[in-house]
Amino acid sequence: MATVDEYKKDIVRKMKSVGTYNLSFKHSIDVLSRTLYDYEIAVKNFESSGSHIIVKHTNKNGSTNVVKNPLYLAIEKLRDDVLSYSRELGLTPAGLKRINQDGNKPEKKSNLETILNQLKD
């Protein structure tokens, strides 16, 4: 199981590879990494409890009802949160397209410019 810090490093690596990384996104990266960690824990708990989407629940009056498993509800919510944050950080095709259309396209450097910059450093 990955740690929160491993998720952070992976998110930053992916953002850098698509050209959307910016230090000002630190809070969103922190939230996404924690959400991914929580999602992984929820999935493991759901699987270890039998992976039943529907469970029987007895309320305080003694009536038994069929309801969605609370663990599954948590997984659905976490999945939506992961997708939302990933989209905002440009880690989905739709999110990357939106960022690029908003004029935040990463600058493409020519091979010559890259070599000259390396020599300068």
N, C-alpha and C. Protein backbone atom coordinates (compact mmCIF):
# COMPACT_ATOMS: atom_id res chain seq x y z
N MET A 1 0.85 -1.17 0.00
CA MET A 1 0.00 0.00 0.00
C MET A 1 0.90 1.24 0.00
N ALA A 2 0.60 2.17 -0.87
CA ALA A 2 1.38 3.40 -1.00
C ALA A 2 1.08 4.35 0.16
N THR A 3 2.07 5.17 0.49
CA THR A 3 1.88 6.18 1.53
C THR A 3 1.41 7.48 0.89
N VAL A 4 0.99 8.41 1.73
CA VAL A 4 0.54 9.72 1.24
C VAL A 4 1.69 10.41 0.50
N ASP A 5 2.91 10.32 1.05
CA ASP A 5 4.06 10.96 0.40
C ASP A 5 4.37 10.33 -0.95
N GLU A 6 4.20 9.01 -1.06
CA GLU A 6 4.41 8.35 -2.36
C GLU A 6 3.39 8.82 -3.38
N TYR A 7 2.15 9.00 -2.94
CA TYR A 7 1.13 9.54 -3.83
C TYR A 7 1.49 10.96 -4.28
N LYS A 8 1.98 11.78 -3.34
CA LYS A 8 2.37 13.16 -3.69
C LYS A 8 3.44 13.16 -4.76
N LYS A 9 4.48 12.35 -4.55
CA LYS A 9 5.58 12.28 -5.52
C LYS A 9 5.07 11.84 -6.89
N ASP A 10 4.19 10.86 -6.89
CA ASP A 10 3.64 10.36 -8.15
C ASP A 10 2.80 11.43 -8.86
N ILE A 11 2.00 12.16 -8.10
CA ILE A 11 1.17 13.23 -8.68
C ILE A 11 2.05 14.31 -9.28
N VAL A 12 3.08 14.74 -8.53
CA VAL A 12 3.98 15.78 -9.03
C VAL A 12 4.70 15.30 -10.29
N ARG A 13 5.16 14.05 -10.29
CA ARG A 13 5.84 13.49 -11.46
C ARG A 13 4.92 13.51 -12.67
N LYS A 14 3.67 13.10 -12.48
CA LYS A 14 2.72 13.08 -13.59
C LYS A 14 2.41 14.50 -14.07
N MET A 15 2.26 15.43 -13.13
CA MET A 15 1.98 16.82 -13.52
C MET A 15 3.14 17.41 -14.30
N LYS A 16 4.36 17.12 -13.88
CA LYS A 16 5.53 17.62 -14.60
C LYS A 16 5.60 17.03 -16.00
N SER A 17 5.23 15.75 -16.12
CA SER A 17 5.30 15.11 -17.43
C SER A 17 4.30 15.69 -18.42
N VAL A 18 3.16 16.19 -17.94
CA VAL A 18 2.18 16.80 -18.86
C VAL A 18 2.29 18.32 -18.87
N GLY A 19 3.20 18.87 -18.06
CA GLY A 19 3.46 20.31 -18.07
C GLY A 19 2.47 21.15 -17.30
N THR A 20 1.82 20.58 -16.29
CA THR A 20 0.84 21.36 -15.52
C THR A 20 1.31 21.66 -14.10
N TYR A 21 2.52 21.21 -13.73
CA TYR A 21 2.97 21.40 -12.35
C TYR A 21 3.27 22.87 -12.07
N ASN A 22 2.81 23.31 -10.91
CA ASN A 22 3.08 24.65 -10.42
C ASN A 22 3.07 24.55 -8.90
N LEU A 23 4.03 25.18 -8.25
CA LEU A 23 4.14 25.10 -6.79
C LEU A 23 2.87 25.59 -6.09
N SER A 24 2.14 26.49 -6.74
CA SER A 24 0.91 27.02 -6.12
C SER A 24 -0.19 25.96 -6.00
N PHE A 25 -0.02 24.80 -6.64
CA PHE A 25 -1.00 23.72 -6.55
C PHE A 25 -0.73 22.79 -5.37
N LYS A 26 0.19 23.16 -4.48
CA LYS A 26 0.59 22.28 -3.39
C LYS A 26 -0.60 21.79 -2.55
N HIS A 27 -1.51 22.69 -2.21
CA HIS A 27 -2.66 22.29 -1.39
C HIS A 27 -3.51 21.25 -2.11
N SER A 28 -3.79 21.48 -3.38
CA SER A 28 -4.60 20.52 -4.14
C SER A 28 -3.89 19.18 -4.27
N ILE A 29 -2.57 19.23 -4.44
CA ILE A 29 -1.79 17.99 -4.51
C ILE A 29 -1.87 17.24 -3.19
N ASP A 30 -1.76 17.98 -2.07
CA ASP A 30 -1.86 17.36 -0.74
C ASP A 30 -3.23 16.71 -0.54
N VAL A 31 -4.28 17.41 -0.93
CA VAL A 31 -5.64 16.88 -0.77
C VAL A 31 -5.83 15.64 -1.65
N LEU A 32 -5.37 15.70 -2.89
CA LEU A 32 -5.52 14.55 -3.79
C LEU A 32 -4.74 13.36 -3.28
N SER A 33 -3.52 13.57 -2.80
CA SER A 33 -2.73 12.44 -2.31
C SER A 33 -3.40 11.80 -1.09
N ARG A 34 -3.95 12.61 -0.19
CA ARG A 34 -4.64 12.06 0.98
C ARG A 34 -5.92 11.33 0.56
N THR A 35 -6.62 11.87 -0.43
CA THR A 35 -7.85 11.25 -0.91
C THR A 35 -7.54 9.90 -1.56
N LEU A 36 -6.46 9.82 -2.33
CA LEU A 36 -6.06 8.55 -2.93
C LEU A 36 -5.71 7.52 -1.86
N TYR A 37 -5.04 7.97 -0.81
CA TYR A 37 -4.69 7.09 0.30
C TYR A 37 -5.96 6.58 0.99
N ASP A 38 -6.88 7.49 1.29
CA ASP A 38 -8.14 7.10 1.93
C ASP A 38 -8.95 6.16 1.03
N TYR A 39 -8.92 6.41 -0.27
CA TYR A 39 -9.63 5.55 -1.23
C TYR A 39 -9.08 4.13 -1.18
N GLU A 40 -7.76 4.02 -1.16
CA GLU A 40 -7.14 2.69 -1.12
C GLU A 40 -7.53 1.94 0.15
N ILE A 41 -7.55 2.64 1.28
CA ILE A 41 -7.95 2.01 2.55
C ILE A 41 -9.41 1.58 2.49
N ALA A 42 -10.28 2.44 1.97
CA ALA A 42 -11.71 2.11 1.88
C ALA A 42 -11.94 0.89 0.99
N VAL A 43 -11.23 0.81 -0.12
CA VAL A 43 -11.38 -0.34 -1.02
C VAL A 43 -10.93 -1.62 -0.32
N LYS A 44 -9.80 -1.57 0.38
CA LYS A 44 -9.32 -2.76 1.10
C LYS A 44 -10.32 -3.19 2.18
N ASN A 45 -10.88 -2.23 2.91
CA ASN A 45 -11.89 -2.56 3.93
C ASN A 45 -13.14 -3.16 3.30
N PHE A 46 -13.55 -2.60 2.17
CA PHE A 46 -14.73 -3.09 1.46
C PHE A 46 -14.50 -4.52 0.98
N GLU A 47 -13.32 -4.78 0.42
CA GLU A 47 -13.01 -6.12 -0.07
C GLU A 47 -12.91 -7.12 1.08
N SER A 48 -12.32 -6.70 2.20
CA SER A 48 -12.17 -7.62 3.33
C SER A 48 -13.50 -7.90 4.03
N SER A 49 -14.49 -7.01 3.83
CA SER A 49 -15.80 -7.23 4.44
C SER A 49 -16.73 -8.03 3.54
N GLY A 50 -16.24 -8.48 2.40
CA GLY A 50 -17.04 -9.33 1.53
C GLY A 50 -17.49 -8.68 0.24
N SER A 51 -17.19 -7.43 0.03
CA SER A 51 -17.52 -6.71 -1.21
C SER A 51 -19.01 -6.71 -1.54
N HIS A 52 -19.84 -6.61 -0.52
CA HIS A 52 -21.28 -6.57 -0.74
C HIS A 52 -21.72 -5.12 -0.92
N ILE A 53 -22.29 -4.81 -2.08
CA ILE A 53 -22.74 -3.45 -2.36
C ILE A 53 -24.02 -3.15 -1.58
N ILE A 54 -24.87 -4.14 -1.45
CA ILE A 54 -26.13 -4.00 -0.71
C ILE A 54 -26.03 -4.81 0.57
N VAL A 55 -26.42 -4.20 1.71
CA VAL A 55 -26.39 -4.89 3.00
C VAL A 55 -27.72 -4.68 3.72
N LYS A 56 -27.97 -5.53 4.67
CA LYS A 56 -29.17 -5.38 5.51
C LYS A 56 -28.80 -4.53 6.72
N HIS A 57 -29.65 -3.56 7.02
CA HIS A 57 -29.41 -2.65 8.14
C HIS A 57 -30.65 -2.65 9.03
N THR A 58 -30.42 -2.85 10.33
CA THR A 58 -31.52 -2.80 11.29
C THR A 58 -31.47 -1.46 12.00
N ASN A 59 -32.55 -0.70 11.87
CA ASN A 59 -32.57 0.63 12.49
C ASN A 59 -32.95 0.53 13.96
N LYS A 60 -33.01 1.67 14.64
CA LYS A 60 -33.26 1.67 16.09
C LYS A 60 -34.66 1.18 16.45
N ASN A 61 -35.59 1.17 15.50
CA ASN A 61 -36.94 0.66 15.75
C ASN A 61 -37.02 -0.85 15.57
N GLY A 62 -35.93 -1.46 15.10
CA GLY A 62 -35.91 -2.90 14.90
C GLY A 62 -36.28 -3.33 13.50
N SER A 63 -36.56 -2.37 12.62
CA SER A 63 -36.90 -2.71 11.23
C SER A 63 -35.61 -2.97 10.45
N THR A 64 -35.66 -4.01 9.63
CA THR A 64 -34.51 -4.34 8.79
C THR A 64 -34.78 -3.85 7.38
N ASN A 65 -33.84 -3.10 6.85
CA ASN A 65 -33.95 -2.56 5.49
C ASN A 65 -32.72 -2.94 4.68
N VAL A 66 -32.90 -2.98 3.38
CA VAL A 66 -31.78 -3.22 2.47
C VAL A 66 -31.26 -1.85 2.05
N VAL A 67 -29.96 -1.61 2.30
CA VAL A 67 -29.36 -0.31 1.98
C VAL A 67 -28.01 -0.53 1.29
N LYS A 68 -27.51 0.52 0.66
CA LYS A 68 -26.17 0.46 0.09
C LYS A 68 -25.17 0.40 1.23
N ASN A 69 -24.15 -0.40 1.05
CA ASN A 69 -23.09 -0.56 2.04
C ASN A 69 -22.42 0.80 2.27
N PRO A 70 -22.31 1.25 3.52
CA PRO A 70 -21.66 2.53 3.81
C PRO A 70 -20.23 2.62 3.28
N LEU A 71 -19.52 1.50 3.31
CA LEU A 71 -18.16 1.50 2.75
C LEU A 71 -18.20 1.77 1.25
N TYR A 72 -19.18 1.18 0.56
CA TYR A 72 -19.29 1.40 -0.88
C TYR A 72 -19.66 2.86 -1.16
N LEU A 73 -20.52 3.44 -0.34
CA LEU A 73 -20.87 4.85 -0.50
C LEU A 73 -19.64 5.74 -0.33
N ALA A 74 -18.79 5.39 0.64
CA ALA A 74 -17.56 6.15 0.86
C ALA A 74 -16.64 6.03 -0.35
N ILE A 75 -16.55 4.82 -0.91
CA ILE A 75 -15.72 4.60 -2.10
C ILE A 75 -16.22 5.44 -3.27
N GLU A 76 -17.53 5.47 -3.47
CA GLU A 76 -18.10 6.27 -4.57
C GLU A 76 -17.76 7.74 -4.40
N LYS A 77 -17.88 8.26 -3.19
CA LYS A 77 -17.58 9.68 -2.92
C LYS A 77 -16.10 9.96 -3.13
N LEU A 78 -15.25 9.08 -2.61
CA LEU A 78 -13.81 9.27 -2.78
C LEU A 78 -13.41 9.20 -4.25
N ARG A 79 -14.05 8.30 -4.99
CA ARG A 79 -13.77 8.18 -6.43
C ARG A 79 -14.11 9.48 -7.15
N ASP A 80 -15.24 10.07 -6.82
CA ASP A 80 -15.63 11.35 -7.42
C ASP A 80 -14.64 12.46 -7.04
N ASP A 81 -14.20 12.46 -5.78
CA ASP A 81 -13.23 13.47 -5.34
C ASP A 81 -11.90 13.33 -6.06
N VAL A 82 -11.44 12.09 -6.22
CA VAL A 82 -10.18 11.84 -6.93
C VAL A 82 -10.28 12.35 -8.36
N LEU A 83 -11.38 12.05 -9.01
CA LEU A 83 -11.57 12.49 -10.39
C LEU A 83 -11.61 14.01 -10.48
N SER A 84 -12.30 14.67 -9.56
CA SER A 84 -12.40 16.13 -9.57
C SER A 84 -11.03 16.79 -9.39
N TYR A 85 -10.28 16.33 -8.39
CA TYR A 85 -8.96 16.92 -8.16
C TYR A 85 -8.01 16.60 -9.30
N SER A 86 -8.07 15.38 -9.83
CA SER A 86 -7.21 15.02 -10.96
C SER A 86 -7.52 15.91 -12.16
N ARG A 87 -8.78 16.17 -12.39
CA ARG A 87 -9.20 17.03 -13.50
C ARG A 87 -8.66 18.44 -13.31
N GLU A 88 -8.78 18.97 -12.08
CA GLU A 88 -8.31 20.33 -11.80
C GLU A 88 -6.80 20.46 -11.98
N LEU A 89 -6.07 19.39 -11.72
CA LEU A 89 -4.61 19.43 -11.83
C LEU A 89 -4.12 19.04 -13.23
N GLY A 90 -5.05 18.80 -14.14
CA GLY A 90 -4.68 18.48 -15.52
C GLY A 90 -4.23 17.04 -15.71
N LEU A 91 -4.67 16.14 -14.84
CA LEU A 91 -4.25 14.75 -14.92
C LEU A 91 -5.28 13.84 -15.59
N THR A 92 -6.29 14.43 -16.19
CA THR A 92 -7.23 13.68 -17.02
C THR A 92 -7.21 14.32 -18.40
N PRO A 93 -7.60 13.59 -19.43
CA PRO A 93 -7.63 14.20 -20.77
C PRO A 93 -8.47 15.47 -20.83
N ALA A 94 -9.65 15.45 -20.19
CA ALA A 94 -10.52 16.63 -20.21
C ALA A 94 -9.89 17.78 -19.44
N GLY A 95 -9.30 17.49 -18.30
CA GLY A 95 -8.66 18.53 -17.50
C GLY A 95 -7.47 19.15 -18.20
N LEU A 96 -6.66 18.32 -18.85
CA LEU A 96 -5.51 18.82 -19.58
C LEU A 96 -5.94 19.67 -20.76
N LYS A 97 -6.98 19.23 -21.45
CA LYS A 97 -7.50 19.99 -22.60
C LYS A 97 -7.99 21.36 -22.14
N ARG A 98 -8.71 21.40 -21.03
CA ARG A 98 -9.23 22.67 -20.51
C ARG A 98 -8.09 23.60 -20.12
N ILE A 99 -7.09 23.07 -19.45
CA ILE A 99 -5.95 23.90 -19.05
C ILE A 99 -5.23 24.45 -20.28
N ASN A 100 -5.02 23.59 -21.27
CA ASN A 100 -4.33 24.03 -22.48
C ASN A 100 -5.14 25.06 -23.25
N GLN A 101 -6.45 24.94 -23.25
CA GLN A 101 -7.30 25.90 -23.95
C GLN A 101 -7.34 27.24 -23.21
N ASP A 102 -7.11 27.23 -21.91
CA ASP A 102 -7.13 28.46 -21.13
C ASP A 102 -5.84 29.26 -21.28
N GLY A 103 -4.94 28.79 -22.12
CA GLY A 103 -3.72 29.54 -22.38
C GLY A 103 -2.57 29.20 -21.47
N ASN A 104 -2.68 28.13 -20.74
CA ASN A 104 -1.60 27.72 -19.86
C ASN A 104 -0.77 26.61 -20.47
N LYS A 105 -0.65 26.61 -21.77
CA LYS A 105 0.11 25.56 -22.44
C LYS A 105 1.57 25.66 -22.03
N PRO A 106 2.18 24.52 -21.81
CA PRO A 106 3.61 24.56 -21.50
C PRO A 106 4.38 25.04 -22.73
N GLU A 107 5.41 25.83 -22.47
CA GLU A 107 6.20 26.33 -23.58
C GLU A 107 7.01 25.18 -24.16
N LYS A 108 6.96 25.05 -25.47
CA LYS A 108 7.76 24.03 -26.13
C LYS A 108 9.09 24.65 -26.51
N LYS A 109 10.15 24.02 -26.08
CA LYS A 109 11.49 24.51 -26.39
C LYS A 109 12.06 23.69 -27.54
N SER A 110 12.79 24.35 -28.37
CA SER A 110 13.45 23.63 -29.45
C SER A 110 14.61 22.85 -28.87
N ASN A 111 15.07 21.87 -29.62
CA ASN A 111 16.21 21.07 -29.16
C ASN A 111 17.43 21.95 -28.96
N LEU A 112 17.63 22.92 -29.86
CA LEU A 112 18.77 23.82 -29.74
C LEU A 112 18.68 24.64 -28.46
N GLU A 113 17.51 25.15 -28.15
CA GLU A 113 17.33 25.94 -26.93
C GLU A 113 17.59 25.10 -25.69
N THR A 114 17.14 23.85 -25.70
CA THR A 114 17.36 22.95 -24.58
C THR A 114 18.85 22.71 -24.36
N ILE A 115 19.58 22.46 -25.45
CA ILE A 115 21.02 22.20 -25.35
C ILE A 115 21.75 23.45 -24.86
N LEU A 116 21.37 24.61 -25.39
CA LEU A 116 22.01 25.86 -24.95
C LEU A 116 21.75 26.13 -23.48
N ASN A 117 20.56 25.85 -23.01
CA ASN A 117 20.25 26.04 -21.59
C ASN A 117 21.05 25.09 -20.71
N GLN A 118 21.25 23.87 -21.19
CA GLN A 118 22.04 22.90 -20.43
C GLN A 118 23.50 23.33 -20.35
N LEU A 119 24.01 23.88 -21.45
CA LEU A 119 25.40 24.34 -21.46
C LEU A 119 25.58 25.55 -20.56
N LYS A 120 24.56 26.40 -20.50
CA LYS A 120 24.62 27.61 -19.69
C LYS A 120 24.67 27.26 -18.21
N ASP A 121 23.95 26.21 -17.82
CA ASP A 121 23.92 25.80 -16.40
C ASP A 121 25.18 25.08 -16.08
